[in-house]
């Protein structure tokens, strides 16, 4: 039998070592349901959720915390710089069905860091530890933390922070093996994952530059991490995510998706996001909802950058990309994609 590399986060069983990363404006429920159906990651995370926005009752932010039984186990990722507010948000996440509450200490974008949140917490170990302690005390589900290697190249801060978090009750760490100042530039340094693995006893996920099954297997083998978190490579490409999971289990890749499968999955993605935006359980219900038209427009606008990626690399795809980025209805998307498939079939 092929290895599964299963592990546990507290009492939560993770059946395989593929983990879908939290990605703002990407890893929403629609994307996660598609990823689960096609790739079956052992664990997935939501987009990050602002504790400040939850505290002040932002409806759009609450929508990010919806949990469907098909996507379990699921971690809801939260971010903020105020310990009590983070604890409050963790309790709400738990009440909404989170299997895990994850604390974001890895986001490097200025709009997050200027609030003292995300990777900015790497510069304040005492506050970072206080947040983890408060969140752990607030909930019964496992608490995990995602970090960068440090704020800048001057200090590999992750080992000290990780030991503090482990002592505070965190049940798993994820290391994106870049420094916050790098953003996504340069290369992830996987030796940092190996060093962090030696510093803690709780499970560790490795993250950064995993774009193929071969790279995923190499990360697992070389660093000793318990799981591999995949982010940007999975955008609009659940079949690559599937092949990474199969590779980690010692199995060959699955069949390449047909053009029709790519298109139908793109449409499914749109339909599922309409349902999420309309706050109903399926697309058929969304169509009957009085909120359907607004939900469809929001979903179509939100995916203008992602739908073209479903056909990326196909001859002629670049010629229809601009048309796809102007669509406002599912019918418009379908008409363009069907025409593209028809031309490709000639």
Foldseek 3Di string as FASTA:
>chain_A
DFDFLWDAQVPRTQRHFEEAEADPLFQAPLNLLLLCVQANGSEYEFHEAELVCVVVPPPVRVLRLADDPSNPQYEYEYKAQDQVSLLVVLLVSVVNPHLEYEYAQAAQDPVQVVRCMHVSCLVPLVSLLSNLLSNPVSDDHAYEYEYELGQDPPDRSVLVSVVSSVVSRHQEYEYAQHHSVQRLPDFRDLVSLLVSPVRDDHAYEYETDPQALVVQCVSCVVRVGSHYYDYPNCQLPSQRSNQNSQSSRVHHGDDDDDLVRLLVSLLSSLQVQLCSQLVHDGSVVLVVDPCNLVSSQVSQQSCLVRSLVSCPPPPPSVVCSVVSNPDRGSVSSNVSSVVVVVVVVD
